[in-house]
Protein backbone atom coordinates (compact mmCIF):
# COMPACT_ATOMS: atom_id res chain seq x y z
CA MET A 1 -21.45 2.41 0.44
CA PHE A 2 -18.36 1.63 -1.63
CA PRO A 3 -14.99 0.69 -0.17
CA VAL A 4 -12.26 3.21 -0.73
CA LEU A 5 -9.36 1.83 -2.71
CA PRO A 6 -5.88 3.14 -2.02
CA SER A 7 -3.92 4.61 -4.88
CA ILE A 8 -1.51 2.46 -6.86
CA PRO A 9 1.78 2.36 -4.91
CA ALA A 10 3.82 3.68 -7.83
CA LEU A 11 1.55 6.74 -8.09
CA ARG A 12 1.16 7.61 -4.42
CA GLY A 13 1.75 11.19 -3.37
CA ARG A 14 0.73 14.44 -4.95
CA ALA A 15 2.95 14.38 -8.04
CA GLY A 16 1.37 11.23 -9.55
CA PRO A 17 -2.32 12.26 -9.63
CA TYR A 18 -1.61 15.90 -10.50
CA GLY A 19 0.97 15.05 -13.13
CA ALA A 20 -1.39 12.60 -14.83
CA ALA A 21 -4.30 15.08 -14.59
CA GLY A 22 -2.15 17.84 -16.07
CA CYS A 23 -1.35 15.66 -19.08
CA PHE A 24 -5.02 14.71 -19.47
CA PHE A 25 -6.20 18.33 -19.37
CA LEU A 26 -3.46 19.60 -21.69
CA LEU A 27 -3.97 16.88 -24.28
CA GLY A 28 -7.76 17.03 -23.95
CA GLY A 29 -7.75 20.80 -24.51
CA ALA A 30 -5.62 20.37 -27.64
CA LEU A 31 -7.92 17.62 -28.99
CA ASN A 32 -11.03 19.67 -28.29
CA ALA A 33 -9.58 22.68 -30.10
CA ALA A 34 -8.60 20.48 -33.04
CA ALA A 35 -12.05 18.88 -33.09
CA ALA A 36 -13.69 22.30 -33.21
CA ILE A 37 -11.79 22.99 -36.42
CA ILE A 38 -11.93 19.53 -38.02
CA PHE A 39 -15.57 18.64 -37.38
CA VAL A 40 -17.25 22.03 -37.70
CA ASP A 41 -17.92 21.73 -41.43
CA SER A 42 -18.97 18.07 -41.31
CA LEU A 43 -21.46 18.41 -38.46
CA PRO A 44 -25.17 19.00 -39.07
CA PRO A 45 -26.17 22.67 -39.04
CA PRO A 46 -26.79 24.17 -35.60
CA PRO A 47 -30.30 25.10 -34.47
CA ALA A 48 -31.87 28.17 -36.01
CA GLY A 49 -30.53 31.41 -34.63
CA GLN A 50 -27.26 29.89 -33.41
CA GLY A 51 -24.29 30.52 -35.68
CA ARG A 52 -21.23 28.33 -35.94
CA SER A 53 -19.09 31.15 -34.59
CA TYR A 54 -20.77 30.80 -31.19
CA THR A 55 -20.08 27.08 -31.20
CA TRP A 56 -16.48 27.70 -32.08
CA ALA A 57 -16.08 30.37 -29.40
CA VAL A 58 -17.48 28.16 -26.63
CA ALA A 59 -15.43 25.14 -27.77
CA PHE A 60 -12.21 27.15 -27.92
CA ILE A 61 -12.83 28.79 -24.53
CA CYS A 62 -13.39 25.42 -22.86
CA ALA A 63 -10.39 23.94 -24.66
CA GLY A 64 -8.26 26.90 -23.56
CA VAL A 65 -9.42 26.59 -19.94
CA GLY A 66 -8.63 22.87 -20.00
CA ALA A 67 -5.15 23.47 -21.40
CA LEU A 68 -4.51 26.21 -18.83
CA VAL A 69 -5.60 23.94 -16.00
CA GLY A 70 -3.29 21.25 -17.37
CA LEU A 71 -0.31 23.61 -17.39
CA ILE A 72 -1.03 24.76 -13.84
CA LEU A 73 -1.29 21.16 -12.62
CA LEU A 74 1.99 20.19 -14.28
CA ILE A 75 3.84 23.21 -12.92
CA ALA A 76 2.41 23.09 -9.38
CA ARG A 77 1.92 19.33 -9.02
CA ASN A 78 4.24 19.08 -6.00
CA ARG A 79 2.67 22.02 -4.15
CA LEU A 80 -1.07 21.36 -4.46
CA ALA A 81 -2.97 19.75 -1.59
CA GLU A 82 -4.02 16.15 -2.25
CA ARG A 83 -7.70 16.83 -1.57
CA TYR A 84 -8.04 18.95 -4.71
CA ALA A 85 -7.40 15.93 -6.93
CA ALA A 86 -10.94 14.68 -6.18
CA TYR A 87 -12.48 17.68 -7.96
CA LEU A 88 -10.52 17.34 -11.20
CA PRO A 89 -12.69 14.62 -12.87
CA PHE A 90 -15.81 16.75 -12.33
CA LEU A 91 -14.09 19.84 -13.76
CA ALA A 92 -13.17 17.79 -16.81
CA VAL A 93 -16.78 16.63 -17.23
CA VAL A 94 -17.98 20.25 -17.06
CA LEU A 95 -15.44 21.43 -19.65
CA LEU A 96 -16.53 18.63 -21.97
CA ALA A 97 -20.26 19.13 -21.33
CA VAL A 98 -20.48 22.88 -21.93
CA PRO A 99 -19.55 22.84 -25.65
CA MET A 100 -21.71 19.75 -26.21
CA LEU A 101 -24.80 21.23 -24.59
CA TRP A 102 -24.22 24.72 -26.00
CA SER A 103 -23.92 23.47 -29.59
CA ARG A 104 -26.55 20.77 -29.03
CA ILE A 105 -24.31 18.46 -31.01
CA VAL A 106 -21.93 15.76 -29.76
CA THR A 107 -18.71 15.25 -31.68
CA PRO A 108 -16.84 11.94 -31.80
CA THR A 109 -14.00 13.63 -29.89
CA GLY A 110 -16.36 14.82 -27.16
CA ALA A 111 -17.86 11.37 -26.75
CA ILE A 112 -14.43 9.71 -26.47
CA LEU A 113 -13.01 12.35 -24.14
CA MET A 114 -15.93 11.80 -21.75
CA LEU A 115 -14.19 8.51 -20.90
CA TRP A 116 -11.02 10.26 -19.74
CA PRO A 117 -12.32 11.56 -16.39
CA VAL A 118 -13.58 8.06 -15.61
CA LEU A 119 -10.22 6.54 -16.52
CA TYR A 120 -8.38 9.07 -14.37
CA ALA A 121 -10.65 8.63 -11.35
CA SER A 122 -10.63 4.84 -11.50
CA ALA A 123 -6.85 4.59 -11.86
CA LEU A 124 -5.71 7.23 -9.37
CA LEU A 125 -8.57 8.13 -7.04
CA THR A 126 -11.14 6.24 -4.98
CA GLU A 127 -14.04 4.06 -6.05
CA PRO A 128 -16.79 6.46 -4.85
CA ILE A 129 -15.24 9.28 -6.90
CA THR A 130 -15.08 6.97 -9.92
CA TRP A 131 -18.77 6.10 -9.67
CA ALA A 132 -19.67 9.76 -9.10
CA THR A 133 -17.66 10.77 -12.18
CA THR A 134 -19.33 8.05 -14.24
CA PHE A 135 -22.76 9.22 -13.04
CA ALA A 136 -21.92 12.81 -13.96
CA GLY A 137 -20.87 11.71 -17.45
CA VAL A 138 -24.09 9.71 -17.86
CA ILE A 139 -26.17 12.77 -16.88
CA VAL A 140 -24.33 14.88 -19.48
CA LEU A 141 -24.95 12.32 -22.22
CA PHE A 142 -28.61 11.99 -21.21
CA ALA A 143 -28.95 15.76 -21.36
CA GLY A 144 -27.20 15.80 -24.75
CA SER A 145 -29.67 13.28 -26.13
CA PHE A 146 -32.57 15.59 -25.24
CA VAL A 147 -31.10 18.83 -26.59
CA ASP A 148 -29.50 17.35 -29.73
CA PRO A 149 -31.98 17.88 -32.60
CA HIS A 150 -30.22 15.30 -34.79
CA LEU A 151 -29.71 12.31 -32.44
CA GLY A 152 -32.05 10.92 -29.81
CA LEU A 153 -31.58 8.84 -26.67
CA PHE A 154 -31.29 5.63 -28.68
CA ALA A 155 -28.31 7.01 -30.58
CA TYR A 156 -26.67 8.16 -27.34
CA SER A 157 -27.24 4.86 -25.52
CA PRO A 158 -24.06 3.14 -26.83
CA MET A 159 -21.99 6.05 -25.50
CA ILE A 160 -23.72 5.82 -22.11
CA ALA A 161 -23.27 2.06 -21.94
CA THR A 162 -19.59 2.34 -22.89
CA LEU A 163 -19.03 4.95 -20.18
CA VAL A 164 -20.60 2.82 -17.45
CA LEU A 165 -18.93 -0.37 -18.64
CA THR A 166 -15.51 1.29 -18.72
CA GLY A 167 -15.84 2.46 -15.13
CA TYR A 168 -17.05 -0.95 -13.97
CA VAL A 169 -14.30 -2.91 -15.76
CA ILE A 170 -11.47 -0.70 -14.49
CA ILE A 171 -12.78 -0.71 -10.92
CA THR A 172 -13.05 -4.50 -11.03
CA LEU A 173 -9.47 -4.76 -12.31
CA GLN A 174 -8.28 -2.33 -9.63
CA ARG A 175 -9.90 -4.43 -6.91
CA ARG A 176 -8.12 -7.52 -8.19
CA VAL A 177 -4.81 -5.67 -8.42
CA HIS A 178 -5.07 -4.43 -4.82
CA VAL A 179 -6.01 -7.90 -3.56
CA LEU A 180 -3.01 -9.34 -5.41
CA LEU A 181 -0.68 -6.62 -4.09
CA ALA A 182 -1.91 -7.21 -0.54
CA GLU A 183 -1.33 -10.96 -0.87
CA LEU A 184 2.13 -10.45 -2.37
CA GLY A 185 2.98 -8.05 0.43
CA ARG A 186 1.82 -10.58 3.02
CA GLN A 187 3.86 -13.35 1.42
CA ALA A 188 6.94 -11.14 1.21
CA SER A 189 6.76 -10.25 4.91
CA THR A 190 5.59 -13.53 6.49
CA ASP A 191 7.34 -16.82 7.19
CA PRO A 192 5.28 -19.53 5.44
CA LEU A 193 5.86 -22.24 8.08
CA THR A 194 5.07 -20.34 11.27
CA SER A 195 3.05 -17.36 9.91
CA LEU A 196 5.30 -15.09 11.97
CA PRO A 197 6.96 -12.05 10.39
CA ASN A 198 10.07 -13.10 8.49
CA ARG A 199 13.64 -11.88 8.67
CA ARG A 200 13.01 -9.12 6.14
CA THR A 201 10.22 -7.67 8.25
CA LEU A 202 12.40 -8.02 11.34
CA ILE A 203 15.25 -6.00 9.80
CA ASP A 204 12.85 -3.30 8.51
CA THR A 205 11.30 -2.98 11.97
CA LEU A 206 14.71 -2.85 13.63
CA ARG A 207 15.75 -0.03 11.30
CA ARG A 208 12.71 2.02 12.36
CA GLU A 209 13.22 1.33 16.04
CA VAL A 210 16.94 2.10 15.91
CA ALA A 211 16.12 5.40 14.18
CA GLU A 212 13.59 6.12 16.95
CA HIS A 213 16.27 5.34 19.52
CA GLN A 214 18.62 7.79 17.83
CA ARG A 215 15.95 10.52 17.73
CA ARG A 216 14.61 10.38 21.28
CA GLY A 217 16.71 7.81 23.13
CA ALA A 218 13.94 5.21 23.24
CA LEU A 219 14.80 1.98 25.06
CA LEU A 220 15.22 -1.02 22.79
CA CYS A 221 16.07 -4.65 23.56
CA VAL A 222 16.36 -7.74 21.39
CA LEU A 223 15.84 -11.40 22.34
CA MET A 224 17.42 -14.20 20.34
CA ILE A 225 15.50 -17.43 20.99
CA ASP A 226 16.80 -20.82 19.90
CA VAL A 227 15.28 -24.28 20.34
CA ASP A 228 17.58 -26.55 22.33
CA ARG A 229 18.83 -29.69 20.58
CA PHE A 230 16.48 -29.16 17.65
CA LYS A 231 18.64 -31.27 15.33
CA ARG A 232 18.18 -34.22 17.69
CA LEU A 233 14.40 -33.75 17.44
CA ASN A 234 14.56 -33.69 13.64
CA ASP A 235 16.81 -36.73 13.47
CA SER A 236 14.75 -38.84 15.89
CA ALA A 237 11.18 -37.83 15.00
CA GLY A 238 11.52 -36.53 11.44
CA HIS A 239 11.27 -33.12 9.84
CA ASP A 240 7.44 -33.09 9.94
CA ALA A 241 7.58 -33.34 13.73
CA GLY A 242 10.19 -30.59 13.81
CA ASP A 243 8.02 -28.33 11.66
CA GLU A 244 5.02 -28.95 13.89
CA ALA A 245 7.09 -28.09 16.97
CA LEU A 246 8.13 -24.79 15.35
CA ARG A 247 4.50 -23.98 14.54
CA LEU A 248 3.39 -24.66 18.12
CA LEU A 249 6.30 -22.60 19.44
CA ALA A 250 5.37 -19.72 17.13
CA ARG A 251 1.83 -19.67 18.59
CA ILE A 252 3.24 -19.21 22.09
CA LEU A 253 5.53 -16.45 20.88
CA GLN A 254 2.60 -14.69 19.19
CA ARG A 255 0.49 -14.86 22.34
CA GLN A 256 3.33 -13.52 24.49
CA THR A 257 4.18 -10.58 22.19
CA ARG A 258 3.05 -7.19 23.50
CA ALA A 259 1.33 -4.65 21.27
CA GLY A 260 4.09 -2.62 19.66
CA ASP A 261 6.67 -5.41 19.96
CA LEU A 262 7.56 -7.86 17.20
CA THR A 263 8.50 -11.53 17.21
CA ALA A 264 9.85 -12.96 13.97
CA ARG A 265 11.44 -16.13 12.67
CA PHE A 266 15.11 -15.35 12.18
CA GLY A 267 15.93 -18.61 10.43
CA GLY A 268 15.85 -22.34 11.08
CA GLU A 269 14.89 -22.93 14.73
CA GLU A 270 15.92 -19.42 15.78
CA PHE A 271 13.48 -16.61 16.54
CA THR A 272 13.98 -12.94 17.40
CA ALA A 273 11.84 -10.62 19.53
CA ILE A 274 12.05 -6.82 19.48
CA LEU A 275 11.03 -5.20 22.77
CA VAL A 276 10.44 -1.47 22.47
CA ASP A 277 10.52 0.91 25.44
CA CYS A 278 11.90 -1.92 27.53
CA ALA A 279 14.93 -1.75 29.85
CA ILE A 280 17.44 -4.59 29.92
CA ASP A 281 16.37 -5.87 33.37
CA ASP A 282 12.72 -5.97 32.36
CA ALA A 283 13.66 -7.66 29.07
CA ALA A 284 15.59 -10.36 30.94
CA ARG A 285 12.66 -10.94 33.31
CA ARG A 286 10.21 -11.25 30.41
CA ALA A 287 12.61 -13.55 28.55
CA ASP A 288 12.75 -15.90 31.54
CA GLN A 289 8.95 -15.87 31.82
CA LEU A 290 8.76 -16.77 28.13
CA ARG A 291 11.31 -19.57 28.56
CA ALA A 292 9.35 -21.04 31.47
CA ARG A 293 6.05 -20.78 29.57
CA ILE A 294 7.50 -22.65 26.58
CA GLU A 295 8.94 -25.38 28.82
CA SER A 296 5.62 -25.77 30.64
CA ASP A 297 3.26 -25.65 27.63
CA SER A 298 5.39 -27.93 25.47
CA ARG A 299 4.91 -30.78 27.95
CA GLN A 300 1.44 -31.15 26.43
CA TRP A 301 2.84 -31.48 22.91
CA PRO A 302 3.80 -34.76 21.21
CA ARG A 303 7.44 -33.84 21.94
CA SER A 304 8.39 -31.29 24.58
CA LEU A 305 11.19 -28.81 24.08
CA THR A 306 13.11 -26.03 25.78
CA VAL A 307 14.69 -22.84 24.52
CA SER A 308 17.73 -20.75 25.30
CA ILE A 309 17.45 -16.97 25.08
CA GLY A 310 20.03 -14.22 24.69
CA VAL A 311 19.17 -10.63 25.60
CA ALA A 312 20.90 -7.49 24.31
CA GLU A 313 20.13 -3.80 24.74
CA LEU A 314 20.64 -0.83 22.46
CA GLY A 315 21.68 1.66 25.08
CA PRO A 316 24.29 4.33 25.78
CA GLY A 317 27.75 3.30 24.65
CA THR A 318 26.56 0.48 22.36
CA PRO A 319 26.85 0.69 18.56
CA ASP A 320 23.72 1.80 16.73
CA GLU A 321 24.22 -0.74 13.95
CA ILE A 322 21.52 -3.38 13.63
CA SER A 323 24.11 -6.08 13.00
CA ALA A 324 25.90 -5.24 16.25
CA LEU A 325 22.67 -5.46 18.24
CA ILE A 326 21.79 -8.85 16.74
CA THR A 327 25.34 -10.11 17.24
CA ASN A 328 25.29 -9.10 20.91
CA ALA A 329 22.00 -10.94 21.48
CA ASP A 330 23.35 -13.95 19.55
CA ASN A 331 26.50 -14.05 21.67
CA ALA A 332 24.36 -13.99 24.81
CA LEU A 333 22.29 -16.83 23.35
CA TYR A 334 25.35 -19.03 22.88
CA LYS A 335 26.50 -18.14 26.35
CA ALA A 336 23.20 -19.64 27.55
CA LYS A 337 23.92 -22.72 25.45
CA ARG A 338 27.37 -23.13 27.01
CA HIS A 339 25.94 -22.79 30.51
CA GLY A 340 23.55 -25.68 30.13
CA ARG A 341 20.70 -24.54 27.85
CA ASN A 342 17.11 -23.80 28.89
CA ARG A 343 18.20 -20.51 30.41
CA VAL A 344 18.47 -16.76 29.75
CA GLU A 345 21.73 -14.82 29.47
CA VAL A 346 22.19 -11.07 29.12
CA HIS A 347 24.89 -9.52 26.95
CA VAL A 348 27.51 -7.67 28.97
CA PRO A 349 29.26 -4.90 27.00
CA GLY A 350 32.96 -5.63 26.56
CA GLU A 351 32.60 -9.31 27.44
CA SER A 352 34.35 -11.81 25.18
CA PRO A 353 31.87 -13.76 23.04
CA GLY A 354 33.45 -17.11 23.88
CA PRO A 355 33.14 -20.33 21.85
CA ARG A 356 29.82 -21.40 20.37
CA ALA A 357 28.34 -24.61 21.71
């Protein structure tokens, strides 16, 4: 029914939720124990037949259990399975509810602490758990209003409303935060002109693929793609026409990218494609097909264009550095430029780079 919200990035992993829960339980247990001492003489007398000593005993037992749980969570926060975090808000509600229902009296501390499980669930867990925790707290307060001989439902209603409103406000804020984080992440990884992945995303992907190559020897090739005589296009038709040509070119590159591969804007009129599990011969063949497709499709554009492509492979005997792989593909690209443009050249290990045209 409700979408599941991921945890805040800074608190992902087991240590964040369990560390925060440990602090909540430890501090809550201390406050409950203090409240049992501070408020016991100022509260209305308990129902007939129920001494204050029973109220104290139950309050101190629940406070002690809460503090013990907090210590365990803090000590074992890196070893506990993540799934157990979902049960902690409900355990907190139970530890808060038992003294309240046993004594038939709600203390100011108990009412305030009932917000803590909702705060914890909404900040660190999922939205369904937050609503379930809020519902559990509302049930406890409803029950307290019926068993409390001094206050009725009307007196408890502000507490119930505050509990529900707190959960709703925090969940709404969390939704906005996650939408903002998603948009910031998209902007940080995407080129604004072409909507292709940007250079940062390209380098991050190359790091992963190079590491995969080192682990299991996976084939990896890189294409460097450059628009021929792009400066002439900009000078003759204007930068708006040049930008539109790059956008149209990016659409072709997106359509021609296989699942698992990546095509990104490297900078200016230069693009880079990562071909995973692809041998150098197959990469060269696909590069030439891409070159021909761009030449053919661009004839329908306001201004046609061609591209030159350099191909390099991360294979046996080649350096594993990302910069070396990109440099090899770039050298092959400029070899294609020197040999007339609108063509594909493959990097040959040990070959001199030659002058750049």
